[in-house]
Amino acid sequence: MGTVKEYLKSAINQMKHNGYRTFMTMLGIIIGIAAVITVVSLGKGMTDYVNGEINGIVGNYGYVVIDSSKTTELFTPDDIRLLEESVSDLKGVSPYFDETTARAKGPRGTYQADVIGGTEAVELAVSSKVYKGQYFTRQMVETGQKVCIMMKNDAKHLFGTEECLGNVVEITIAGKTAEYTVIGLREDINSEMINTFAGDMDYYATIETPYTAFASDFGYDIDKLNMFLIFADQDVLQKKVKECAKVLENAHGLRGANALWSYSMADMSEEINTVLGGASTFLIWVAVISLVVGGIGIMNIMLVSVTERTREIGIRKSIGARTGAITAQFLSEAAVLTLSGGVIGIIVGIGLSFVVCSLLHFKLIITPGSVLGATLISVGIGLGFGIYPARKAAKMKPIDALRV
């Protein structure tokens, strides 16, 4: 144990004796470790941010879509009832009409609008709740009532006030115009992502209507549907979407035809996490290159140290120092050098992560695993790149070393 202390003491003395050179040698390790910590933290923070934004905007739903290039079959309203009766734990099923080129006219002006037609289940499509009035009901859908829901901010643009329940908004799509009565308002979606992208766009209103009224007014055939939205709890969503796809395949004789494809918000989250994870991994490897460069710097400085201390090595070996002791001494110096650089790099990385995450409004996520991994990497680099100089010192013959 005393020998280990001597090795560490010797290593620390060498670092103090060559302070400037030591710092310049550690710089590559500091930058590399700081980069790894920062990249890992930003990757996790960005993933958490994007998933949070998605979960805060959309509800838990998936799609089942017919591929028109593989079949002439289409869904009908009867399929909605079939799915509700055949698949358990569904929160709702809805066809999906979406017209983004619509115009909405109110007393305060006319605006571009995204008009959506669906069943009462479309209430679950976004996270914002109806806070004034009500959402349209199944009865309203079945009777094709011309009612609509909009966001609070839409009401302020179209009517100049939130007190607009019972007022009429005029919707125009492809030259056809119909009037819809406002029966409910949703809370606005508070999303930095949406606000950032919407900042440079003209104002867009979002209006939700019963699909039966939408189809009747704007020339769509409700007996020819190519898409259903499937709503379920997040933990069973993927499973339920696939179950719905199988039921529809069987009902339309499409089993084995690969004519339906399904997709859920859980699939989207997985894809986003995969993309962000891949980007983070790439950046980590870039940071690793810096660590390798730093390791080469460690090896070079240790070779210089061996050359400078050749006579010292010769004296130690001549009085009985074993090859293993010489090797251990120089490896200890390399390990202490890189460990010190690693600790500084960790501190710098955490500080840099805090600053960048604060600027980007990401949650700061520093995991014990990343800190421990960075520490082990720094020590590993010291040992790995210090082996050659240590072995070179240990293999010196005393008589040759004393001649220097």
Protein backbone atom coordinates (compact mmCIF):
# COMPACT_ATOMS: atom_id res chain seq x y z
CA MET A 1 0.00 0.00 0.00
CA GLY A 2 2.89 2.28 0.82
CA THR A 3 4.30 1.65 -2.68
CA VAL A 4 1.02 2.83 -4.28
CA LYS A 5 1.18 6.00 -2.21
CA GLU A 6 4.74 6.58 -3.36
CA TYR A 7 3.69 6.12 -6.99
CA LEU A 8 0.85 8.62 -6.59
CA LYS A 9 3.09 11.07 -4.73
CA SER A 10 5.70 10.80 -7.48
CA ALA A 11 3.06 11.35 -10.16
CA ILE A 12 1.68 14.45 -8.42
CA ASN A 13 5.17 15.86 -7.95
CA GLN A 14 5.91 15.40 -11.64
CA MET A 15 2.69 17.24 -12.54
CA LYS A 16 3.57 20.12 -10.21
CA HIS A 17 7.15 20.27 -11.49
CA ASN A 18 5.95 20.67 -15.10
CA GLY A 19 2.71 22.58 -14.52
CA TYR A 20 2.35 24.26 -17.90
CA ARG A 21 3.30 21.16 -19.84
CA THR A 22 0.95 19.10 -17.69
CA PHE A 23 -1.98 21.41 -18.40
CA MET A 24 -1.33 21.47 -22.14
CA THR A 25 -1.10 17.67 -22.10
CA MET A 26 -4.39 17.35 -20.22
CA LEU A 27 -6.16 19.83 -22.50
CA GLY A 28 -7.10 17.19 -25.08
CA ILE A 29 -8.56 14.97 -22.35
CA ILE A 30 -10.42 17.92 -20.79
CA ILE A 31 -11.95 18.93 -24.12
CA GLY A 32 -12.83 15.34 -25.04
CA ILE A 33 -14.45 14.47 -21.68
CA ALA A 34 -16.29 17.82 -21.56
CA ALA A 35 -17.56 17.21 -25.09
CA VAL A 36 -18.79 13.70 -24.20
CA ILE A 37 -20.60 14.93 -21.08
CA THR A 38 -22.15 17.86 -22.96
CA VAL A 39 -23.23 15.80 -25.96
CA VAL A 40 -24.80 13.08 -23.79
CA SER A 41 -26.58 15.68 -21.68
CA LEU A 42 -27.85 17.63 -24.69
CA GLY A 43 -28.95 14.42 -26.41
CA LYS A 44 -31.01 13.37 -23.41
CA GLY A 45 -32.30 16.90 -22.87
CA MET A 46 -33.34 17.24 -26.52
CA THR A 47 -35.05 13.84 -26.50
CA ASP A 48 -36.93 14.76 -23.32
CA TYR A 49 -37.88 18.15 -24.81
CA VAL A 50 -39.13 16.77 -28.14
CA ASN A 51 -41.09 13.94 -26.50
CA GLY A 52 -42.55 16.42 -24.01
CA GLU A 53 -43.60 18.76 -26.81
CA ILE A 54 -45.20 15.91 -28.78
CA ASN A 55 -47.03 14.58 -25.71
CA GLY A 56 -48.11 18.11 -24.86
CA ILE A 57 -49.56 18.73 -28.32
CA VAL A 58 -51.13 15.52 -29.58
CA GLY A 59 -53.23 12.87 -27.94
CA ASN A 60 -52.68 9.13 -27.90
CA TYR A 61 -53.84 7.94 -31.28
CA GLY A 62 -52.75 6.00 -34.32
CA TYR A 63 -53.74 5.60 -37.95
CA VAL A 64 -55.06 2.73 -40.02
CA VAL A 65 -54.84 3.63 -43.72
CA ILE A 66 -55.83 1.81 -46.91
CA ASP A 67 -53.19 1.67 -49.65
CA SER A 68 -55.23 2.57 -52.75
CA SER A 69 -52.52 1.20 -55.03
CA LYS A 70 -53.19 -2.33 -53.74
CA THR A 71 -56.97 -2.44 -53.41
CA THR A 72 -60.18 -0.67 -54.42
CA GLU A 73 -61.74 -1.41 -51.03
CA LEU A 74 -62.57 1.55 -48.79
CA PHE A 75 -63.83 1.95 -45.23
CA THR A 76 -67.41 2.92 -44.35
CA PRO A 77 -69.13 4.22 -41.20
CA ASP A 78 -70.15 0.63 -40.45
CA ASP A 79 -66.47 -0.13 -39.82
CA ILE A 80 -66.47 2.33 -36.94
CA ARG A 81 -69.12 0.33 -35.12
CA LEU A 82 -67.34 -2.91 -36.04
CA LEU A 83 -64.10 -1.74 -34.43
CA GLU A 84 -65.88 -0.47 -31.33
CA GLU A 85 -67.60 -3.83 -30.89
CA SER A 86 -64.60 -6.04 -31.80
CA VAL A 87 -61.62 -4.33 -30.12
CA SER A 88 -61.61 -3.74 -26.38
CA ASP A 89 -60.18 -0.75 -24.53
CA LEU A 90 -60.62 1.71 -27.37
CA LYS A 91 -61.33 5.31 -26.44
CA GLY A 92 -62.72 6.09 -29.86
CA VAL A 93 -62.54 5.65 -33.64
CA SER A 94 -62.92 8.37 -36.23
CA PRO A 95 -62.58 8.93 -39.97
CA TYR A 96 -60.35 11.86 -40.73
CA PHE A 97 -61.14 14.68 -43.12
CA ASP A 98 -58.59 17.47 -43.12
CA GLU A 99 -58.74 20.48 -45.42
CA THR A 100 -55.85 22.88 -44.92
CA THR A 101 -56.80 25.27 -47.75
CA ALA A 102 -60.07 26.39 -46.16
CA ARG A 103 -61.03 29.95 -45.27
CA ALA A 104 -62.86 30.89 -42.07
CA LYS A 105 -64.82 34.15 -41.89
CA GLY A 106 -66.05 35.87 -38.73
CA PRO A 107 -67.09 39.41 -37.79
CA ARG A 108 -63.45 40.42 -37.28
CA GLY A 109 -62.04 39.06 -40.52
CA THR A 110 -61.29 36.12 -42.79
CA TYR A 111 -58.38 33.77 -42.13
CA GLN A 112 -56.78 30.67 -43.53
CA ALA A 113 -58.08 27.62 -41.72
CA ASP A 114 -57.42 23.95 -41.17
CA VAL A 115 -60.88 22.36 -41.04
CA ILE A 116 -61.06 18.86 -39.58
CA GLY A 117 -63.99 16.49 -39.84
CA GLY A 118 -64.37 13.53 -37.49
CA THR A 119 -66.45 11.84 -34.84
CA GLU A 120 -66.71 12.93 -31.22
CA ALA A 121 -63.47 10.97 -30.61
CA VAL A 122 -61.43 13.70 -32.34
CA GLU A 123 -61.71 15.62 -29.09
CA LEU A 124 -58.86 13.35 -27.93
CA ALA A 125 -56.60 14.20 -30.89
CA VAL A 126 -54.91 17.11 -29.15
CA SER A 127 -53.96 17.66 -25.54
CA SER A 128 -55.81 20.95 -25.03
CA LYS A 129 -59.17 20.57 -23.29
CA VAL A 130 -62.54 22.11 -24.07
CA TYR A 131 -62.89 24.78 -21.37
CA LYS A 132 -65.97 26.62 -22.62
CA GLY A 133 -69.13 25.06 -24.02
CA GLN A 134 -68.93 21.44 -25.14
CA TYR A 135 -67.53 19.16 -27.79
CA PHE A 136 -69.96 17.80 -30.37
CA THR A 137 -71.61 14.51 -29.42
CA ARG A 138 -72.24 11.26 -31.26
CA GLN A 139 -75.83 12.30 -31.82
CA MET A 140 -74.65 15.53 -33.43
CA VAL A 141 -72.36 13.48 -35.68
CA GLU A 142 -75.09 11.03 -36.67
CA THR A 143 -77.55 13.82 -37.46
CA GLY A 144 -74.96 15.89 -39.30
CA GLN A 145 -75.36 19.05 -37.24
CA LYS A 146 -73.40 22.06 -38.46
CA VAL A 147 -71.51 22.81 -35.28
CA CYS A 148 -67.82 23.41 -34.66
CA ILE A 149 -65.07 23.72 -32.06
CA MET A 150 -62.13 26.11 -32.22
CA MET A 151 -59.22 27.32 -30.11
CA LYS A 152 -59.49 30.29 -27.75
CA ASN A 153 -57.10 32.33 -29.91
CA ASP A 154 -59.12 31.50 -33.04
CA ALA A 155 -62.20 32.94 -31.38
CA LYS A 156 -60.36 36.17 -30.55
CA HIS A 157 -59.26 36.55 -34.18
CA LEU A 158 -62.61 35.70 -35.75
CA PHE A 159 -64.98 37.27 -33.20
CA GLY A 160 -62.79 39.54 -31.11
CA THR A 161 -63.89 37.75 -27.92
CA GLU A 162 -64.09 34.38 -26.24
CA GLU A 163 -67.78 34.94 -25.62
CA CYS A 164 -68.77 33.58 -29.01
CA LEU A 165 -70.72 30.41 -28.25
CA GLY A 166 -73.76 30.32 -30.50
CA ASN A 167 -72.15 32.62 -33.06
CA VAL A 168 -71.70 31.52 -36.66
CA VAL A 169 -68.44 31.11 -38.58
CA GLU A 170 -68.52 30.92 -42.36
CA ILE A 171 -66.28 28.19 -43.82
CA THR A 172 -65.29 28.09 -47.48
CA ILE A 173 -63.59 25.13 -49.16
CA ALA A 174 -62.99 24.91 -52.93
CA GLY A 175 -65.65 27.51 -53.65
CA LYS A 176 -68.30 25.90 -51.42
CA THR A 177 -69.44 27.82 -48.34
CA ALA A 178 -71.34 26.70 -45.24
CA GLU A 179 -72.12 28.24 -41.88
CA TYR A 180 -71.22 26.46 -38.63
CA THR A 181 -72.27 27.37 -35.11
CA VAL A 182 -69.55 27.56 -32.45
CA ILE A 183 -70.49 25.31 -29.51
CA GLY A 184 -67.12 24.95 -27.74
CA LEU A 185 -63.65 26.44 -27.28
CA ARG A 186 -60.43 24.62 -26.55
CA GLU A 187 -57.55 25.96 -24.50
CA ASP A 188 -54.72 27.17 -26.74
CA ILE A 189 -51.83 24.77 -27.15
CA ASN A 190 -48.81 26.15 -25.30
CA SER A 191 -45.89 24.80 -27.27
CA GLU A 192 -42.53 26.47 -27.92
CA MET A 193 -42.09 24.24 -30.96
CA ILE A 194 -45.37 25.33 -32.53
CA ASN A 195 -44.85 28.99 -31.59
CA THR A 196 -41.38 28.95 -33.18
CA PHE A 197 -42.58 27.48 -36.48
CA ALA A 198 -45.80 29.50 -36.52
CA GLY A 199 -44.02 32.77 -35.86
CA ASP A 200 -43.25 33.38 -39.54
CA MET A 201 -46.58 32.07 -40.87
CA ASP A 202 -49.85 33.85 -41.56
CA TYR A 203 -52.46 33.24 -38.90
CA TYR A 204 -54.12 29.84 -39.19
CA ALA A 205 -57.37 28.89 -37.48
CA THR A 206 -58.13 25.28 -36.56
CA ILE A 207 -61.78 24.25 -36.70
CA GLU A 208 -63.22 20.83 -35.84
CA THR A 209 -66.60 19.68 -37.17
CA PRO A 210 -68.69 16.47 -37.34
CA TYR A 211 -67.46 14.57 -40.38
CA THR A 212 -71.02 13.96 -41.58
CA ALA A 213 -71.74 17.69 -41.88
CA PHE A 214 -68.29 18.33 -43.35
CA ALA A 215 -68.78 15.67 -46.03
CA SER A 216 -72.29 16.81 -46.88
CA ASP A 217 -71.35 20.49 -47.25
CA PHE A 218 -68.10 20.08 -49.12
CA GLY A 219 -68.74 17.12 -51.40
CA TYR A 220 -67.07 14.18 -49.67
CA ASP A 221 -68.47 10.64 -49.68
CA ILE A 222 -68.65 9.18 -46.16
CA ASP A 223 -69.02 5.69 -47.61
CA LYS A 224 -65.56 5.97 -49.16
CA LEU A 225 -63.13 6.47 -46.28
CA ASN A 226 -59.43 5.66 -46.57
CA MET A 227 -58.30 6.42 -43.01
CA PHE A 228 -59.35 5.87 -39.42
CA LEU A 229 -57.89 7.44 -36.29
CA ILE A 230 -57.68 4.97 -33.41
CA PHE A 231 -57.65 6.34 -29.86
CA ALA A 232 -56.42 4.35 -26.84
CA ASP A 233 -54.26 4.70 -23.74
CA GLN A 234 -50.57 5.12 -24.52
CA ASP A 235 -49.49 1.85 -22.92
CA VAL A 236 -51.74 -0.21 -25.21
CA LEU A 237 -51.95 2.08 -28.23
CA GLN A 238 -49.60 0.22 -30.57
CA LYS A 239 -51.29 -3.08 -29.79
CA LYS A 240 -54.80 -1.69 -30.31
CA VAL A 241 -53.91 -0.03 -33.61
CA LYS A 242 -52.60 -3.34 -34.93
CA GLU A 243 -55.70 -5.17 -33.68
CA CYS A 244 -57.89 -2.67 -35.51
CA ALA A 245 -55.89 -3.17 -38.70
CA LYS A 246 -56.41 -6.95 -38.49
CA VAL A 247 -60.16 -6.58 -37.91
CA LEU A 248 -60.45 -4.29 -40.93
CA GLU A 249 -58.35 -6.62 -43.08
CA ASN A 250 -60.66 -9.51 -42.28
CA ALA A 251 -63.82 -7.43 -42.77
CA HIS A 252 -62.73 -6.28 -46.24
CA GLY A 253 -61.12 -9.53 -47.40
CA LEU A 254 -57.66 -7.99 -47.45
CA ARG A 255 -55.85 -10.52 -45.29
CA GLY A 256 -52.35 -11.12 -46.67
CA ALA A 257 -52.68 -8.36 -49.28
CA ASN A 258 -50.58 -5.86 -47.30
CA ALA A 259 -53.12 -3.25 -48.33
CA LEU A 260 -53.38 -1.64 -44.88
CA TRP A 261 -50.68 0.08 -42.92
CA SER A 262 -50.86 1.27 -39.36
CA TYR A 263 -48.92 3.85 -37.41
CA SER A 264 -49.16 5.24 -33.89
CA MET A 265 -47.78 8.19 -31.97
CA ALA A 266 -45.71 5.65 -30.03
CA ASP A 267 -44.08 4.69 -33.35
CA MET A 268 -43.35 8.37 -33.95
CA SER A 269 -41.72 8.72 -30.55
CA GLU A 270 -39.57 5.66 -31.20
CA GLU A 271 -38.47 7.02 -34.58
CA ILE A 272 -37.65 10.43 -33.11
CA ASN A 273 -35.71 8.81 -30.28
CA THR A 274 -33.82 6.66 -32.80
CA VAL A 275 -32.90 9.70 -34.93
CA LEU A 276 -31.85 11.79 -31.94
CA GLY A 277 -29.97 8.82 -30.47
CA GLY A 278 -28.12 8.33 -33.76
CA ALA A 279 -27.18 12.01 -33.91
CA SER A 280 -25.97 11.90 -30.30
CA THR A 281 -23.93 8.76 -30.98
CA PHE A 282 -22.28 10.41 -34.00
CA LEU A 283 -21.35 13.47 -31.94
CA ILE A 284 -20.03 11.25 -29.13
CA TRP A 285 -17.72 9.53 -31.62
CA VAL A 286 -16.49 12.94 -32.77
CA ALA A 287 -15.73 13.72 -29.12
CA VAL A 288 -13.97 10.35 -28.79
CA ILE A 289 -11.62 11.41 -31.59
CA SER A 290 -10.62 14.33 -29.36
CA LEU A 291 -9.98 11.85 -26.56
CA VAL A 292 -7.79 9.73 -28.83
CA VAL A 293 -5.83 12.83 -29.81
CA GLY A 294 -5.51 13.64 -26.13
CA GLY A 295 -4.32 10.09 -25.47
CA ILE A 296 -1.64 10.43 -28.13
CA GLY A 297 -0.57 13.64 -26.42
CA ILE A 298 -0.31 11.73 -23.12
CA MET A 299 1.85 9.09 -24.77
CA ASN A 300 4.13 11.69 -26.33
CA ILE A 301 4.62 13.57 -23.08
CA MET A 302 5.30 10.34 -21.21
CA LEU A 303 7.94 9.42 -23.81
CA VAL A 304 9.52 12.82 -23.26
CA SER A 305 9.40 12.20 -19.50
CA VAL A 306 11.07 8.81 -19.95
CA THR A 307 13.83 10.44 -21.99
CA GLU A 308 14.34 13.21 -19.44
CA ARG A 309 14.48 10.72 -16.55
CA THR A 310 16.64 8.08 -18.19
CA ARG A 311 19.43 8.51 -15.62
CA GLU A 312 16.92 8.31 -12.74
CA ILE A 313 15.58 5.06 -14.21
CA GLY A 314 19.11 3.69 -14.51
CA ILE A 315 19.90 4.52 -10.86
CA ARG A 316 16.68 2.91 -9.62
CA LYS A 317 17.26 -0.25 -11.61
CA SER A 318 20.89 -0.48 -10.53
CA ILE A 319 19.85 -0.50 -6.86
CA GLY A 320 17.27 -3.23 -7.39
CA ALA A 321 14.07 -1.69 -8.72
CA ARG A 322 12.05 -4.34 -10.52
CA THR A 323 10.72 -3.98 -14.06
CA GLY A 324 7.15 -4.10 -12.73
CA ALA A 325 7.84 -1.27 -10.28
CA ILE A 326 9.16 1.00 -13.04
CA THR A 327 6.17 0.12 -15.23
CA ALA A 328 3.73 0.81 -12.39
CA GLN A 329 5.36 4.15 -11.62
CA PHE A 330 4.98 5.50 -15.15
CA LEU A 331 1.52 4.02 -15.58
CA SER A 332 0.50 5.71 -12.35
CA GLU A 333 1.73 9.03 -13.68
CA ALA A 334 -0.22 8.57 -16.92
CA ALA A 335 -3.37 7.51 -15.04
CA VAL A 336 -3.18 10.42 -12.58
CA LEU A 337 -2.59 12.82 -15.46
CA THR A 338 -5.62 11.63 -17.42
CA LEU A 339 -7.81 11.21 -14.34
CA SER A 340 -7.10 14.81 -13.36
CA GLY A 341 -7.92 15.93 -16.89
CA GLY A 342 -11.05 13.78 -16.78
CA VAL A 343 -12.27 15.31 -13.52
CA ILE A 344 -11.70 18.83 -14.86
CA GLY A 345 -13.42 17.79 -18.10
CA ILE A 346 -16.43 16.48 -16.16
CA ILE A 347 -16.75 19.76 -14.26
CA VAL A 348 -16.39 21.78 -17.46
CA GLY A 349 -18.86 19.48 -19.27
CA ILE A 350 -21.50 19.80 -16.54
CA GLY A 351 -21.08 23.58 -16.49
CA LEU A 352 -21.26 23.81 -20.28
CA SER A 353 -24.30 21.51 -20.34
CA PHE A 354 -26.05 23.71 -17.80
CA VAL A 355 -25.41 26.85 -19.86
CA VAL A 356 -26.43 25.34 -23.21
CA CYS A 357 -29.51 23.59 -21.81
CA SER A 358 -30.59 26.84 -20.16
CA LEU A 359 -30.22 28.74 -23.43
CA LEU A 360 -32.17 26.08 -25.37
CA HIS A 361 -34.74 25.57 -22.59
CA PHE A 362 -33.87 21.88 -22.30
CA LYS A 363 -34.01 19.97 -19.06
CA LEU A 364 -30.50 19.37 -17.71
CA ILE A 365 -30.05 15.60 -17.49
CA ILE A 366 -26.70 14.40 -16.13
CA THR A 367 -26.77 10.69 -15.44
CA PRO A 368 -24.38 8.97 -13.00
CA GLY A 369 -23.58 6.54 -15.80
CA SER A 370 -22.23 9.26 -18.09
CA VAL A 371 -20.05 10.71 -15.29
CA LEU A 372 -18.76 7.27 -14.28
CA GLY A 373 -18.20 6.36 -17.93
CA ALA A 374 -16.24 9.56 -18.53
CA THR A 375 -14.09 8.85 -15.46
CA LEU A 376 -13.35 5.29 -16.57
CA ILE A 377 -12.61 6.47 -20.11
CA SER A 378 -10.11 9.04 -18.88
CA VAL A 379 -8.30 6.49 -16.68
CA GLY A 380 -8.46 3.90 -19.46
CA ILE A 381 -6.86 6.31 -21.93
CA GLY A 382 -4.10 7.04 -19.46
CA LEU A 383 -3.38 3.36 -18.92
CA GLY A 384 -3.78 2.48 -22.61
CA PHE A 385 -1.55 5.20 -24.00
CA GLY A 386 0.83 5.05 -21.06
CA ILE A 387 1.72 1.38 -21.51
CA TYR A 388 4.24 1.92 -24.29
CA PRO A 389 6.24 4.66 -22.51
CA ALA A 390 6.07 2.69 -19.24
CA ARG A 391 7.30 -0.50 -20.87
CA LYS A 392 10.05 1.44 -22.66
CA ALA A 393 11.24 2.82 -19.33
CA ALA A 394 11.01 -0.57 -17.61
CA LYS A 395 13.02 -2.38 -20.30
CA MET A 396 15.98 -0.01 -20.12
CA LYS A 397 19.24 -1.64 -19.15
CA PRO A 398 20.82 0.07 -16.14
CA ILE A 399 24.25 0.40 -17.74
CA ASP A 400 22.79 2.05 -20.88
CA ALA A 401 20.60 4.36 -18.85
CA LEU A 402 23.52 5.50 -16.62
CA ARG A 403 25.61 6.44 -19.67
CA VAL A 404 23.16 9.23 -20.56
